[in-house]
C-alpha atoms as a PDB file:
ATOM      1  CA  MET A   1      88.717  17.612 158.846  1.00  0.00           C
ATOM      2  CA  TYR A   2      85.226  16.124 159.004  1.00  0.00           C
ATOM      3  CA  ASP A   3      83.855  18.863 161.286  1.00  0.00           C
ATOM      4  CA  ALA A   4      84.853  21.470 158.689  1.00  0.00           C
ATOM      5  CA  ALA A   5      83.510  19.469 155.707  1.00  0.00           C
ATOM      6  CA  GLY A   6      87.062  19.002 154.397  1.00  0.00           C
ATOM      7  CA  VAL A   7      88.344  16.203 152.177  1.00  0.00           C
ATOM      8  CA  GLY A   8      92.035  16.393 153.085  1.00  0.00           C
ATOM      9  CA  LEU A   9      94.500  17.574 155.692  1.00  0.00           C
ATOM     10  CA  ALA A  10      98.246  18.131 155.268  1.00  0.00           C
ATOM     11  CA  ALA A  11     100.832  17.544 157.989  1.00  0.00           C
ATOM     12  CA  PRO A  12     101.766  21.253 158.412  1.00  0.00           C
ATOM     13  CA  GLN A  13      98.117  22.022 159.207  1.00  0.00           C
ATOM     14  CA  VAL A  14      98.500  20.001 162.428  1.00  0.00           C
ATOM     15  CA  PHE A  15     102.038  21.246 163.171  1.00  0.00           C
ATOM     16  CA  ILE A  16     103.865  18.096 162.071  1.00  0.00           C
ATOM     17  CA  ARG A  17     107.071  18.574 160.080  1.00  0.00           C
ATOM     18  CA  GLN A  18     106.658  15.561 157.845  1.00  0.00           C
ATOM     19  CA  ARG A  19     105.549  14.999 154.235  1.00  0.00           C
ATOM     20  CA  PHE A  20     102.133  13.359 154.343  1.00  0.00           C
ATOM     21  CA  PHE A  21      98.458  14.089 154.070  1.00  0.00           C
ATOM     22  CA  VAL A  22      95.226  12.377 154.997  1.00  0.00           C
ATOM     23  CA  TYR A  23      92.193  12.340 152.767  1.00  0.00           C
ATOM     24  CA  ASP A  24      88.752  10.827 152.432  1.00  0.00           C
ATOM     25  CA  ILE A  25      87.057  10.654 149.046  1.00  0.00           C
ATOM     26  CA  GLY A  26      84.084   8.741 150.413  1.00  0.00           C
ATOM     27  CA  GLU A  27      85.743   5.399 151.115  1.00  0.00           C
ATOM     28  CA  GLY A  28      87.065   6.165 154.612  1.00  0.00           C
ATOM     29  CA  PRO A  29      90.213   7.953 155.728  1.00  0.00           C
ATOM     30  CA  GLU A  30      93.521   7.147 154.032  1.00  0.00           C
ATOM     31  CA  ALA A  31      97.008   8.620 154.249  1.00  0.00           C
ATOM     32  CA  LEU A  32      99.819   9.144 151.771  1.00  0.00           C
ATOM     33  CA  ILE A  33     103.299   9.430 153.268  1.00  0.00           C
ATOM     34  CA  ASN A  34     106.154  11.072 151.344  1.00  0.00           C
ATOM     35  CA  PRO A  35     103.922  11.827 148.350  1.00  0.00           C
ATOM     36  CA  GLU A  36     105.570  12.509 145.021  1.00  0.00           C
ATOM     37  CA  ILE A  37     103.822  13.708 141.879  1.00  0.00           C
ATOM     38  CA  ILE A  38     104.959  11.449 139.024  1.00  0.00           C
ATOM     39  CA  SER A  39     102.910  13.035 136.263  1.00  0.00           C
ATOM     40  CA  SER A  40     100.150  15.574 135.744  1.00  0.00           C
ATOM     41  CA  SER A  41      98.222  16.903 132.787  1.00  0.00           C
ATOM     42  CA  GLY A  42      95.282  19.117 131.946  1.00  0.00           C
ATOM     43  CA  GLU A  43      94.002  22.116 133.862  1.00  0.00           C
ATOM     44  CA  GLU A  44      90.780  23.165 135.504  1.00  0.00           C
ATOM     45  CA  LEU A  45      89.817  26.003 137.794  1.00  0.00           C
ATOM     46  CA  GLY A  46      87.821  25.430 140.953  1.00  0.00           C
ATOM     47  CA  SER A  47      87.052  27.022 144.291  1.00  0.00           C
ATOM     48  CA  GLU A  48      88.935  25.669 147.309  1.00  0.00           C
ATOM     49  CA  GLY A  49      89.007  26.460 150.978  1.00  0.00           C
ATOM     50  CA  CYS A  50      91.610  25.932 153.665  1.00  0.00           C
ATOM     51  CA  LEU A  51      90.819  24.225 156.962  1.00  0.00           C
ATOM     52  CA  SER A  52      93.533  26.326 158.633  1.00  0.00           C
ATOM     53  CA  ILE A  53      91.726  29.559 157.736  1.00  0.00           C
ATOM     54  CA  PRO A  54      87.964  28.960 157.955  1.00  0.00           C
ATOM     55  CA  ARG A  55      85.684  30.796 155.513  1.00  0.00           C
ATOM     56  CA  LEU A  56      88.602  31.644 153.203  1.00  0.00           C
ATOM     57  CA  HIS A  57      88.022  30.378 149.663  1.00  0.00           C
ATOM     58  CA  GLY A  58      89.697  31.112 146.372  1.00  0.00           C
ATOM     59  CA  ASP A  59      89.968  29.896 142.813  1.00  0.00           C
ATOM     60  CA  VAL A  60      92.799  27.417 142.277  1.00  0.00           C
ATOM     61  CA  VAL A  61      94.090  25.847 139.054  1.00  0.00           C
ATOM     62  CA  ARG A  62      94.660  22.099 139.424  1.00  0.00           C
ATOM     63  CA  ALA A  63      95.619  19.284 137.065  1.00  0.00           C
ATOM     64  CA  THR A  64      92.775  17.155 135.705  1.00  0.00           C
ATOM     65  CA  HIS A  65      94.935  13.995 135.618  1.00  0.00           C
ATOM     66  CA  LEU A  66      97.453  13.194 138.324  1.00  0.00           C
ATOM     67  CA  THR A  67      99.656  10.249 139.246  1.00  0.00           C
ATOM     68  CA  VAL A  68     101.309  10.181 142.677  1.00  0.00           C
ATOM     69  CA  THR A  69     103.365   7.650 144.575  1.00  0.00           C
ATOM     70  CA  GLY A  70     104.094   7.307 148.273  1.00  0.00           C
ATOM     71  CA  LEU A  71     103.588   4.975 151.192  1.00  0.00           C
ATOM     72  CA  ASN A  72     100.248   4.012 152.694  1.00  0.00           C
ATOM     73  CA  ARG A  73      99.562   3.888 156.442  1.00  0.00           C
ATOM     74  CA  ARG A  74     101.050   0.388 156.600  1.00  0.00           C
ATOM     75  CA  GLY A  75     104.295   1.579 154.996  1.00  0.00           C
ATOM     76  CA  ARG A  76     103.611  -0.149 151.674  1.00  0.00           C
ATOM     77  CA  PRO A  77     104.347   1.604 148.366  1.00  0.00           C
ATOM     78  CA  VAL A  78     101.268   2.835 146.521  1.00  0.00           C
ATOM     79  CA  ARG A  79     100.602   4.513 143.196  1.00  0.00           C
ATOM     80  CA  ILE A  80      97.430   6.550 142.812  1.00  0.00           C
ATOM     81  CA  GLU A  81      96.014   7.770 139.534  1.00  0.00           C
ATOM     82  CA  ALA A  82      93.317  10.406 139.847  1.00  0.00           C
ATOM     83  CA  GLU A  83      91.170  12.086 137.239  1.00  0.00           C
ATOM     84  CA  GLY A  84      88.690  14.916 137.415  1.00  0.00           C
ATOM     85  CA  TYR A  85      89.522  17.308 140.252  1.00  0.00           C
ATOM     86  CA  LEU A  86      86.022  18.778 140.185  1.00  0.00           C
ATOM     87  CA  ALA A  87      84.167  15.572 139.339  1.00  0.00           C
END
């Protein structure tokens, strides 16, 4: 993920049949296990790439506000509220 300048990696990208992803938004690597989107609102368009297919980029519509729940790496429930996909 870091070698390719990525900010996240989903389980299927490393051939694991589980629901989780790892991410780093500048505070060190974290994981969210069994993520579930609780709410989303707003829309914005931005360019994204895929670490599984290097050099492939495309425009993707994403929510500007998102609330997700899941378990952290220690198995504790977490709730994450994010704003500003392109911020």
